[in-house]
Amino acid sequence: MDETTERALTDLHLAHITLIPLATVETPELLAIKDSRSIAEYCWTLTPFSVEFVFELAPEVNRVTYVDSDVWFTKSPDLILAEMGSADSLITPHAYALEGANNLKFGIYCVQFMPFTREGSTDIRRDWQSKCLDWCYAIVEPTRFGDQKYLDGWAERFGERVHVLTAVEKTQAPWNAISFDPDSAVLYHFHRLRLATSDRAYVGTYRLPSRTISALYRPYLTDIRESLVELERIGIPFKAQVKPLTGWLLVKDWLDFHRHNWRSPLAPYSLKY
C-alpha cells in the first residue's frame, strides 16, 4: 500500500513472499474514486480487489485468503480452513461479547480472514467489488459500513456456497476476548492496538482478561519488538502510530478506557513491551 512497506519487505528478503506494488494493479475504475476516499477507506475499497490481483498474477492458485494486517496466528490456519469444506468462501462472525452487542451496527461478520476459491466464488467477488467501488466509507448506515457490512447478506444470498464459521472461539479479538479461553484462538485480531513509543503500546478500550494479556498480547508484542529491531537493521527507524497522550487528552482517554473496564479495574490501559 506504500513505498516504505514495499522497501521493507524487499530488503528483509522474507521467504515465500511475492510483493504486488499497488501502482501495478490499480485499475482506471479504482483510480477514479481514489481521491474521494481517505487512506483507510481506499484500503477497504481494495479488499475484494486484492484477492483478484493474486488470482490474476498466479494462475496456478486455486484459493486465495485475504488476511487483515493486524491479525496474528497462534496456530495453523488449517484449523479454520478445515471447516470451510467444499464451500466457495468462508466468513467469520464478530461473535461480540454481550457488552459489545451495540457494535453489530458495524456488521455481523468481520473482514479479517476470508478465503475464496478461484472458480466458484467469482460472482461473490464481483458483487463485493462492485459494491465497494460504488460506496465504501467509514460511515454507519443501516445496510452499509465500509467494505464490511455488505457481508451481512451473504449467507442468505449465496447459501451453502458461503460457509459461516461455527467455531467462533478460533477467531478472537478485543470485542470477544472476555468470552473465550485464549488457548482456543487460532488467530487474534489486534484491533485498535497502537504503538505509542518503541516500548509501549496502547491496547484500546475493550475489557481484556489477564489471561488474554499474558497468552496473546505479550507474545505478540515480543514479535513486534523483534520486528522493530529487524527494520532498524535495514535502515527503517521506529515511527509511532499515535502520539503519546499528555494533559487533558491523556485523562480523557484513560477515563474512556475505564468506562469500558469498570468491572475490571486492573485491566491494562497500555502495555510496556
C-alpha atoms as a PDB file:
ATOM      1  CA  MET A   1       0.000   0.000   0.000  1.00  0.00           C
ATOM      2  CA  ASP A   2       3.002   2.323   0.306  1.00  0.00           C
ATOM      3  CA  GLU A   3       6.626   2.516  -0.793  1.00  0.00           C
ATOM      4  CA  THR A   4       8.089   2.182   2.715  1.00  0.00           C
ATOM      5  CA  THR A   5       6.340  -1.139   3.273  1.00  0.00           C
ATOM      6  CA  GLU A   6       7.390  -2.343  -0.172  1.00  0.00           C
ATOM      7  CA  ARG A   7      11.001  -1.390   0.526  1.00  0.00           C
ATOM      8  CA  ALA A   8      10.968  -3.064   3.953  1.00  0.00           C
ATOM      9  CA  LEU A   9       9.560  -6.344   2.651  1.00  0.00           C
ATOM     10  CA  THR A  10      12.015  -6.301  -0.254  1.00  0.00           C
ATOM     11  CA  ASP A  11      15.077  -5.615   1.890  1.00  0.00           C
ATOM     12  CA  LEU A  12      14.121  -8.183   4.541  1.00  0.00           C
ATOM     13  CA  HIS A  13      14.279 -10.953   1.910  1.00  0.00           C
ATOM     14  CA  LEU A  14      11.481 -12.922   3.562  1.00  0.00           C
ATOM     15  CA  ALA A  15      10.884 -16.438   2.243  1.00  0.00           C
ATOM     16  CA  HIS A  16       7.623 -17.207   0.432  1.00  0.00           C
ATOM     17  CA  ILE A  17       6.747 -13.537  -0.105  1.00  0.00           C
ATOM     18  CA  THR A  18       5.798 -12.137  -3.505  1.00  0.00           C
ATOM     19  CA  LEU A  19       5.163  -8.388  -3.499  1.00  0.00           C
ATOM     20  CA  ILE A  20       2.488  -6.712  -5.591  1.00  0.00           C
ATOM     21  CA  PRO A  21       3.154  -2.952  -5.767  1.00  0.00           C
ATOM     22  CA  LEU A  22      -0.175  -1.150  -5.687  1.00  0.00           C
ATOM     23  CA  ALA A  23       0.602   1.048  -8.692  1.00  0.00           C
ATOM     24  CA  THR A  24       0.991  -2.040 -10.895  1.00  0.00           C
ATOM     25  CA  VAL A  25      -2.557  -3.287 -10.321  1.00  0.00           C
ATOM     26  CA  GLU A  26      -4.742  -0.204  -9.828  1.00  0.00           C
ATOM     27  CA  THR A  27      -7.416  -0.071 -12.500  1.00  0.00           C
ATOM     28  CA  PRO A  28      -8.866   3.117 -14.046  1.00  0.00           C
ATOM     29  CA  GLU A  29     -12.056   2.470 -12.037  1.00  0.00           C
ATOM     30  CA  LEU A  30     -10.099   2.372  -8.779  1.00  0.00           C
ATOM     31  CA  LEU A  31      -8.027   5.438  -9.636  1.00  0.00           C
ATOM     32  CA  ALA A  32     -11.214   7.338 -10.479  1.00  0.00           C
ATOM     33  CA  ILE A  33     -12.518   7.078  -6.892  1.00  0.00           C
ATOM     34  CA  LYS A  34      -9.184   7.103  -5.036  1.00  0.00           C
ATOM     35  CA  ASP A  35      -9.090  10.809  -4.211  1.00  0.00           C
ATOM     36  CA  SER A  36     -12.646  10.778  -2.882  1.00  0.00           C
ATOM     37  CA  ARG A  37     -11.750   8.416  -0.033  1.00  0.00           C
ATOM     38  CA  SER A  38      -9.470   8.510   2.969  1.00  0.00           C
ATOM     39  CA  ILE A  39      -6.461   6.183   3.068  1.00  0.00           C
ATOM     40  CA  ALA A  40      -8.387   3.771   5.297  1.00  0.00           C
ATOM     41  CA  GLU A  41     -11.463   3.892   3.071  1.00  0.00           C
ATOM     42  CA  TYR A  42      -9.362   3.244  -0.021  1.00  0.00           C
ATOM     43  CA  CYS A  43      -7.738   0.276   1.719  1.00  0.00           C
ATOM     44  CA  TRP A  44     -11.210  -1.092   2.441  1.00  0.00           C
ATOM     45  CA  THR A  45     -12.258  -0.477  -1.146  1.00  0.00           C
ATOM     46  CA  LEU A  46      -9.297  -2.538  -2.311  1.00  0.00           C
ATOM     47  CA  THR A  47     -10.025  -5.527  -0.071  1.00  0.00           C
ATOM     48  CA  PRO A  48     -12.169  -7.507  -2.552  1.00  0.00           C
ATOM     49  CA  PHE A  49      -9.857  -6.493  -5.404  1.00  0.00           C
ATOM     50  CA  SER A  50      -6.731  -7.721  -3.562  1.00  0.00           C
ATOM     51  CA  VAL A  51      -7.982 -11.308  -3.885  1.00  0.00           C
ATOM     52  CA  GLU A  52      -8.468 -10.735  -7.616  1.00  0.00           C
ATOM     53  CA  PHE A  53      -4.954  -9.350  -8.013  1.00  0.00           C
ATOM     54  CA  VAL A  54      -3.491 -12.600  -6.694  1.00  0.00           C
ATOM     55  CA  PHE A  55      -5.679 -14.794  -8.888  1.00  0.00           C
ATOM     56  CA  GLU A  56      -4.646 -12.781 -11.946  1.00  0.00           C
ATOM     57  CA  LEU A  57      -0.908 -12.892 -11.168  1.00  0.00           C
ATOM     58  CA  ALA A  58      -0.796 -16.525 -10.012  1.00  0.00           C
ATOM     59  CA  PRO A  59      -2.841 -18.647 -12.463  1.00  0.00           C
ATOM     60  CA  GLU A  60      -1.831 -21.850 -10.662  1.00  0.00           C
ATOM     61  CA  VAL A  61      -3.514 -20.758  -7.416  1.00  0.00           C
ATOM     62  CA  ASN A  62      -6.985 -22.156  -6.735  1.00  0.00           C
ATOM     63  CA  ARG A  63      -7.735 -20.484  -3.414  1.00  0.00           C
ATOM     64  CA  VAL A  64      -6.766 -17.084  -2.045  1.00  0.00           C
ATOM     65  CA  THR A  65      -7.302 -15.980   1.554  1.00  0.00           C
ATOM     66  CA  TYR A  66      -7.496 -12.323   2.499  1.00  0.00           C
ATOM     67  CA  VAL A  67      -5.952 -11.692   5.944  1.00  0.00           C
ATOM     68  CA  ASP A  68      -6.063  -8.394   7.824  1.00  0.00           C
ATOM     69  CA  SER A  69      -2.675  -6.877   8.607  1.00  0.00           C
ATOM     70  CA  ASP A  70      -3.321  -6.758  12.383  1.00  0.00           C
ATOM     71  CA  VAL A  71      -4.133 -10.476  12.596  1.00  0.00           C
ATOM     72  CA  TRP A  72      -1.648 -12.794  14.359  1.00  0.00           C
ATOM     73  CA  PHE A  73      -1.776 -16.576  14.126  1.00  0.00           C
ATOM     74  CA  THR A  74      -1.190 -18.735  17.181  1.00  0.00           C
ATOM     75  CA  LYS A  75      -1.842 -21.993  15.326  1.00  0.00           C
ATOM     76  CA  SER A  76      -2.106 -23.167  11.716  1.00  0.00           C
ATOM     77  CA  PRO A  77      -4.959 -21.529   9.763  1.00  0.00           C
ATOM     78  CA  ASP A  78      -5.748 -25.034   8.501  1.00  0.00           C
ATOM     79  CA  LEU A  79      -7.750 -25.379  11.712  1.00  0.00           C
ATOM     80  CA  ILE A  80     -10.135 -22.733  10.348  1.00  0.00           C
ATOM     81  CA  LEU A  81      -9.952 -23.691   6.677  1.00  0.00           C
ATOM     82  CA  ALA A  82     -10.923 -27.294   7.520  1.00  0.00           C
ATOM     83  CA  GLU A  83     -14.407 -26.105   8.435  1.00  0.00           C
ATOM     84  CA  MET A  84     -14.854 -24.498   5.011  1.00  0.00           C
ATOM     85  CA  GLY A  85     -15.246 -27.890   3.330  1.00  0.00           C
ATOM     86  CA  SER A  86     -16.474 -27.609  -0.253  1.00  0.00           C
ATOM     87  CA  ALA A  87     -17.790 -24.045   0.137  1.00  0.00           C
ATOM     88  CA  ASP A  88     -16.521 -21.282  -2.140  1.00  0.00           C
ATOM     89  CA  SER A  89     -15.890 -18.795   0.653  1.00  0.00           C
ATOM     90  CA  LEU A  90     -15.854 -18.573   4.425  1.00  0.00           C
ATOM     91  CA  ILE A  91     -16.840 -15.660   6.657  1.00  0.00           C
ATOM     92  CA  THR A  92     -16.195 -15.227  10.375  1.00  0.00           C
ATOM     93  CA  PRO A  93     -18.749 -13.716  12.787  1.00  0.00           C
ATOM     94  CA  HIS A  94     -17.563 -10.957  15.083  1.00  0.00           C
ATOM     95  CA  ALA A  95     -19.090 -13.010  17.920  1.00  0.00           C
ATOM     96  CA  TYR A  96     -19.345  -9.877  20.049  1.00  0.00           C
ATOM     97  CA  ALA A  97     -19.445 -10.313  23.803  1.00  0.00           C
ATOM     98  CA  LEU A  98     -22.797  -9.230  25.239  1.00  0.00           C
ATOM     99  CA  GLU A  99     -21.421  -5.890  26.410  1.00  0.00           C
ATOM    100  CA  GLY A 100     -20.349  -5.095  22.842  1.00  0.00           C
ATOM    101  CA  ALA A 101     -23.607  -6.037  21.134  1.00  0.00           C
ATOM    102  CA  ASN A 102     -24.144  -2.441  20.018  1.00  0.00           C
ATOM    103  CA  ASN A 103     -21.205  -2.928  17.636  1.00  0.00           C
ATOM    104  CA  LEU A 104     -23.408  -5.067  15.397  1.00  0.00           C
ATOM    105  CA  LYS A 105     -24.084  -1.800  13.579  1.00  0.00           C
ATOM    106  CA  PHE A 106     -20.622  -2.301  12.029  1.00  0.00           C
ATOM    107  CA  GLY A 107     -21.569  -5.714  10.640  1.00  0.00           C
ATOM    108  CA  ILE A 108     -22.367  -9.249  11.762  1.00  0.00           C
ATOM    109  CA  TYR A 109     -19.207 -10.570  10.138  1.00  0.00           C
ATOM    110  CA  CYS A 110     -15.630  -9.358  10.286  1.00  0.00           C
ATOM    111  CA  VAL A 111     -13.441  -8.750   7.262  1.00  0.00           C
ATOM    112  CA  GLN A 112     -10.346 -10.358   8.786  1.00  0.00           C
ATOM    113  CA  PHE A 113      -9.859 -13.882   7.346  1.00  0.00           C
ATOM    114  CA  MET A 114     -11.694 -14.604   4.100  1.00  0.00           C
ATOM    115  CA  PRO A 115     -10.791 -17.485   1.754  1.00  0.00           C
ATOM    116  CA  PHE A 116     -12.159 -17.607  -1.804  1.00  0.00           C
ATOM    117  CA  THR A 117     -11.978 -20.332  -4.439  1.00  0.00           C
ATOM    118  CA  ARG A 118     -10.967 -19.260  -7.937  1.00  0.00           C
ATOM    119  CA  GLU A 119     -13.904 -20.563  -9.966  1.00  0.00           C
ATOM    120  CA  GLY A 120     -16.794 -20.984  -7.552  1.00  0.00           C
ATOM    121  CA  SER A 121     -16.605 -17.563  -5.876  1.00  0.00           C
ATOM    122  CA  THR A 122     -16.322 -15.397  -8.990  1.00  0.00           C
ATOM    123  CA  ASP A 123     -19.811 -13.898  -8.731  1.00  0.00           C
ATOM    124  CA  ILE A 124     -19.408 -13.332  -4.977  1.00  0.00           C
ATOM    125  CA  ARG A 125     -16.166 -11.435  -5.505  1.00  0.00           C
ATOM    126  CA  ARG A 126     -17.538  -9.406  -8.415  1.00  0.00           C
ATOM    127  CA  ASP A 127     -20.613  -8.399  -6.422  1.00  0.00           C
ATOM    128  CA  TRP A 128     -18.464  -7.278  -3.468  1.00  0.00           C
ATOM    129  CA  GLN A 129     -16.076  -5.387  -5.734  1.00  0.00           C
ATOM    130  CA  SER A 130     -18.937  -3.546  -7.418  1.00  0.00           C
ATOM    131  CA  LYS A 131     -20.471  -2.504  -4.110  1.00  0.00           C
ATOM    132  CA  CYS A 132     -17.167  -1.311  -2.644  1.00  0.00           C
ATOM    133  CA  LEU A 133     -16.350   0.624  -5.791  1.00  0.00           C
ATOM    134  CA  ASP A 134     -19.729   2.342  -5.600  1.00  0.00           C
ATOM    135  CA  TRP A 135     -19.648   3.098  -1.838  1.00  0.00           C
ATOM    136  CA  CYS A 136     -17.037   2.355   0.831  1.00  0.00           C
ATOM    137  CA  TYR A 137     -16.849   4.919   3.621  1.00  0.00           C
ATOM    138  CA  ALA A 138     -16.282   4.993   7.378  1.00  0.00           C
ATOM    139  CA  ILE A 139     -19.932   5.905   7.862  1.00  0.00           C
ATOM    140  CA  VAL A 140     -22.504   3.708   9.594  1.00  0.00           C
ATOM    141  CA  GLU A 141     -25.681   3.286   7.565  1.00  0.00           C
ATOM    142  CA  PRO A 142     -28.496   0.737   8.011  1.00  0.00           C
ATOM    143  CA  THR A 143     -27.115  -1.531   5.288  1.00  0.00           C
ATOM    144  CA  ARG A 144     -23.560  -0.249   4.804  1.00  0.00           C
ATOM    145  CA  PHE A 145     -20.325   0.357   6.665  1.00  0.00           C
ATOM    146  CA  GLY A 146     -17.016   0.378   4.781  1.00  0.00           C
ATOM    147  CA  ASP A 147     -16.404  -2.916   2.995  1.00  0.00           C
ATOM    148  CA  GLN A 148     -17.726  -4.952   5.906  1.00  0.00           C
ATOM    149  CA  LYS A 149     -21.498  -4.690   6.299  1.00  0.00           C
ATOM    150  CA  TYR A 150     -22.018  -5.950   2.740  1.00  0.00           C
ATOM    151  CA  LEU A 151     -21.215  -9.409   4.133  1.00  0.00           C
ATOM    152  CA  ASP A 152     -24.360  -9.426   6.297  1.00  0.00           C
ATOM    153  CA  GLY A 153     -26.500 -10.784   3.455  1.00  0.00           C
ATOM    154  CA  TRP A 154     -24.087 -13.337   2.008  1.00  0.00           C
ATOM    155  CA  ALA A 155     -25.342 -16.408   3.882  1.00  0.00           C
ATOM    156  CA  GLU A 156     -28.879 -15.772   2.649  1.00  0.00           C
ATOM    157  CA  ARG A 157     -27.930 -14.747  -0.892  1.00  0.00           C
ATOM    158  CA  PHE A 158     -25.318 -17.375  -1.646  1.00  0.00           C
ATOM    159  CA  GLY A 159     -26.473 -20.206   0.594  1.00  0.00           C
ATOM    160  CA  GLU A 160     -24.069 -23.067   1.294  1.00  0.00           C
ATOM    161  CA  ARG A 161     -21.510 -21.591  -1.105  1.00  0.00           C
ATOM    162  CA  VAL A 162     -20.550 -19.243   1.744  1.00  0.00           C
ATOM    163  CA  HIS A 163     -19.743 -21.062   4.972  1.00  0.00           C
ATOM    164  CA  VAL A 164     -20.216 -19.192   8.250  1.00  0.00           C
ATOM    165  CA  LEU A 165     -17.583 -20.250  10.773  1.00  0.00           C
ATOM    166  CA  THR A 166     -19.198 -22.020  13.737  1.00  0.00           C
ATOM    167  CA  ALA A 167     -16.036 -22.447  15.841  1.00  0.00           C
ATOM    168  CA  VAL A 168     -16.009 -18.726  16.619  1.00  0.00           C
ATOM    169  CA  GLU A 169     -13.621 -19.220  19.544  1.00  0.00           C
ATOM    170  CA  LYS A 170     -10.882 -19.734  16.947  1.00  0.00           C
ATOM    171  CA  THR A 171     -11.083 -16.119  15.747  1.00  0.00           C
ATOM    172  CA  GLN A 172     -10.637 -13.926  18.787  1.00  0.00           C
ATOM    173  CA  ALA A 173     -10.388 -10.156  19.139  1.00  0.00           C
ATOM    174  CA  PRO A 174     -10.790  -7.471  21.820  1.00  0.00           C
ATOM    175  CA  TRP A 175     -14.556  -7.414  21.262  1.00  0.00           C
ATOM    176  CA  ASN A 176     -14.980 -11.070  22.273  1.00  0.00           C
ATOM    177  CA  ALA A 177     -11.897 -11.759  24.420  1.00  0.00           C
ATOM    178  CA  ILE A 178     -13.906 -11.992  27.643  1.00  0.00           C
ATOM    179  CA  SER A 179     -15.993 -14.802  26.134  1.00  0.00           C
ATOM    180  CA  PHE A 180     -13.231 -17.263  25.236  1.00  0.00           C
ATOM    181  CA  ASP A 181     -10.202 -19.079  26.585  1.00  0.00           C
ATOM    182  CA  PRO A 182      -7.206 -17.542  24.752  1.00  0.00           C
ATOM    183  CA  ASP A 183      -5.778 -21.035  24.287  1.00  0.00           C
ATOM    184  CA  SER A 184      -8.652 -21.726  21.860  1.00  0.00           C
ATOM    185  CA  ALA A 185      -7.569 -18.957  19.497  1.00  0.00           C
ATOM    186  CA  VAL A 186      -6.146 -19.822  16.094  1.00  0.00           C
ATOM    187  CA  LEU A 187      -5.863 -16.139  15.260  1.00  0.00           C
ATOM    188  CA  TYR A 188      -6.191 -12.957  17.252  1.00  0.00           C
ATOM    189  CA  HIS A 189      -7.207  -9.658  15.687  1.00  0.00           C
ATOM    190  CA  PHE A 190      -5.333  -6.845  17.471  1.00  0.00           C
ATOM    191  CA  HIS A 191      -7.939  -4.192  16.713  1.00  0.00           C
ATOM    192  CA  ARG A 192      -7.007  -0.698  17.937  1.00  0.00           C
ATOM    193  CA  LEU A 193      -3.596  -1.680  19.274  1.00  0.00           C
ATOM    194  CA  ARG A 194      -1.247   1.211  18.543  1.00  0.00           C
ATOM    195  CA  LEU A 195       2.477   1.631  19.151  1.00  0.00           C
ATOM    196  CA  ALA A 196       2.969   4.884  21.029  1.00  0.00           C
ATOM    197  CA  THR A 197       6.709   4.529  21.677  1.00  0.00           C
ATOM    198  CA  SER A 198       9.334   1.947  20.854  1.00  0.00           C
ATOM    199  CA  ASP A 199       8.459   0.124  24.073  1.00  0.00           C
ATOM    200  CA  ARG A 200       4.838   0.993  24.902  1.00  0.00           C
ATOM    201  CA  ALA A 201       1.560   0.214  23.137  1.00  0.00           C
ATOM    202  CA  TYR A 202      -2.000   1.364  23.723  1.00  0.00           C
ATOM    203  CA  VAL A 203      -4.350  -1.626  23.719  1.00  0.00           C
ATOM    204  CA  GLY A 204      -7.693   0.065  23.056  1.00  0.00           C
ATOM    205  CA  THR A 205     -10.732   0.405  25.299  1.00  0.00           C
ATOM    206  CA  TYR A 206     -12.195  -3.117  25.375  1.00  0.00           C
ATOM    207  CA  ARG A 207     -12.140  -5.162  28.587  1.00  0.00           C
ATOM    208  CA  LEU A 208      -9.306  -7.672  28.325  1.00  0.00           C
ATOM    209  CA  PRO A 209      -8.847 -10.649  30.664  1.00  0.00           C
ATOM    210  CA  SER A 210      -5.414 -11.022  32.247  1.00  0.00           C
ATOM    211  CA  ARG A 211      -5.096 -14.467  30.615  1.00  0.00           C
ATOM    212  CA  THR A 212      -5.554 -12.894  27.196  1.00  0.00           C
ATOM    213  CA  ILE A 213      -2.943 -10.286  28.002  1.00  0.00           C
ATOM    214  CA  SER A 214      -0.376 -12.884  29.080  1.00  0.00           C
ATOM    215  CA  ALA A 215      -1.175 -15.537  26.452  1.00  0.00           C
ATOM    216  CA  LEU A 216      -1.685 -13.313  23.396  1.00  0.00           C
ATOM    217  CA  TYR A 217      -0.786  -9.646  23.830  1.00  0.00           C
ATOM    218  CA  ARG A 218       2.624 -10.064  25.430  1.00  0.00           C
ATOM    219  CA  PRO A 219       3.899 -12.702  22.942  1.00  0.00           C
ATOM    220  CA  TYR A 220       2.558 -10.594  20.054  1.00  0.00           C
ATOM    221  CA  LEU A 221       4.357  -7.509  21.326  1.00  0.00           C
ATOM    222  CA  THR A 222       7.532  -9.565  21.711  1.00  0.00           C
ATOM    223  CA  ASP A 223       7.233 -10.336  17.990  1.00  0.00           C
ATOM    224  CA  ILE A 224       6.632  -6.653  17.300  1.00  0.00           C
ATOM    225  CA  ARG A 225       9.752  -5.682  19.248  1.00  0.00           C
ATOM    226  CA  GLU A 226      11.854  -8.199  17.326  1.00  0.00           C
ATOM    227  CA  SER A 227      10.420  -6.896  14.054  1.00  0.00           C
ATOM    228  CA  LEU A 228      11.305  -3.323  15.003  1.00  0.00           C
ATOM    229  CA  VAL A 229      14.912  -4.440  15.533  1.00  0.00           C
ATOM    230  CA  GLU A 230      14.925  -6.032  12.063  1.00  0.00           C
ATOM    231  CA  LEU A 231      13.505  -2.865  10.494  1.00  0.00           C
ATOM    232  CA  GLU A 232      16.097  -0.742  12.272  1.00  0.00           C
ATOM    233  CA  ARG A 233      18.784  -3.041  10.875  1.00  0.00           C
ATOM    234  CA  ILE A 234      17.729  -2.244   7.289  1.00  0.00           C
ATOM    235  CA  GLY A 235      17.507   1.482   7.952  1.00  0.00           C
ATOM    236  CA  ILE A 236      13.812   1.936   8.756  1.00  0.00           C
ATOM    237  CA  PRO A 237      13.513   3.659  12.159  1.00  0.00           C
ATOM    238  CA  PHE A 238      10.612   3.296  14.567  1.00  0.00           C
ATOM    239  CA  LYS A 239       7.652   5.535  13.786  1.00  0.00           C
ATOM    240  CA  ALA A 240       4.923   5.948  16.378  1.00  0.00           C
ATOM    241  CA  GLN A 241       1.398   5.072  15.274  1.00  0.00           C
ATOM    242  CA  VAL A 242      -0.035   7.554  17.761  1.00  0.00           C
ATOM    243  CA  LYS A 243       1.466  10.407  19.729  1.00  0.00           C
ATOM    244  CA  PRO A 244       1.869   9.711  23.446  1.00  0.00           C
ATOM    245  CA  LEU A 245      -1.034  11.477  25.114  1.00  0.00           C
ATOM    246  CA  THR A 246      -0.457  14.250  27.635  1.00  0.00           C
ATOM    247  CA  GLY A 247      -2.575  16.539  29.763  1.00  0.00           C
ATOM    248  CA  TRP A 248      -6.331  16.510  29.363  1.00  0.00           C
ATOM    249  CA  LEU A 249      -6.184  14.168  26.344  1.00  0.00           C
ATOM    250  CA  LEU A 250      -4.448  11.547  28.494  1.00  0.00           C
ATOM    251  CA  VAL A 251      -7.042  11.933  31.259  1.00  0.00           C
ATOM    252  CA  LYS A 252      -9.920  11.756  28.770  1.00  0.00           C
ATOM    253  CA  ASP A 253      -8.546   8.642  27.095  1.00  0.00           C
ATOM    254  CA  TRP A 254      -7.847   6.983  30.465  1.00  0.00           C
ATOM    255  CA  LEU A 255     -11.398   7.730  31.647  1.00  0.00           C
ATOM    256  CA  ASP A 256     -12.835   6.361  28.410  1.00  0.00           C
ATOM    257  CA  PHE A 257     -10.809   3.182  28.831  1.00  0.00           C
ATOM    258  CA  HIS A 258     -12.009   2.653  32.413  1.00  0.00           C
ATOM    259  CA  ARG A 259     -15.586   3.484  31.435  1.00  0.00           C
ATOM    260  CA  HIS A 260     -15.411   0.292  29.372  1.00  0.00           C
ATOM    261  CA  ASN A 261     -13.468  -1.569  32.051  1.00  0.00           C
ATOM    262  CA  TRP A 262     -15.227  -0.566  35.255  1.00  0.00           C
ATOM    263  CA  ARG A 263     -15.741  -4.222  36.191  1.00  0.00           C
ATOM    264  CA  SER A 264     -12.037  -4.910  35.789  1.00  0.00           C
ATOM    265  CA  PRO A 265     -10.096  -2.054  37.430  1.00  0.00           C
ATOM    266  CA  LEU A 266      -6.770  -3.831  36.924  1.00  0.00           C
ATOM    267  CA  ALA A 267      -7.196  -4.103  33.140  1.00  0.00           C
ATOM    268  CA  PRO A 268      -4.184  -2.511  31.432  1.00  0.00           C
ATOM    269  CA  TYR A 269      -4.559   0.844  29.732  1.00  0.00           C
ATOM    270  CA  SER A 270      -1.273   0.369  27.919  1.00  0.00           C
ATOM    271  CA  LEU A 271       1.449  -2.283  27.846  1.00  0.00           C
ATOM    272  CA  LYS A 272       5.201  -1.963  28.043  1.00  0.00           C
ATOM    273  CA  TYR A 273       6.964  -4.379  25.698  1.00  0.00           C
END
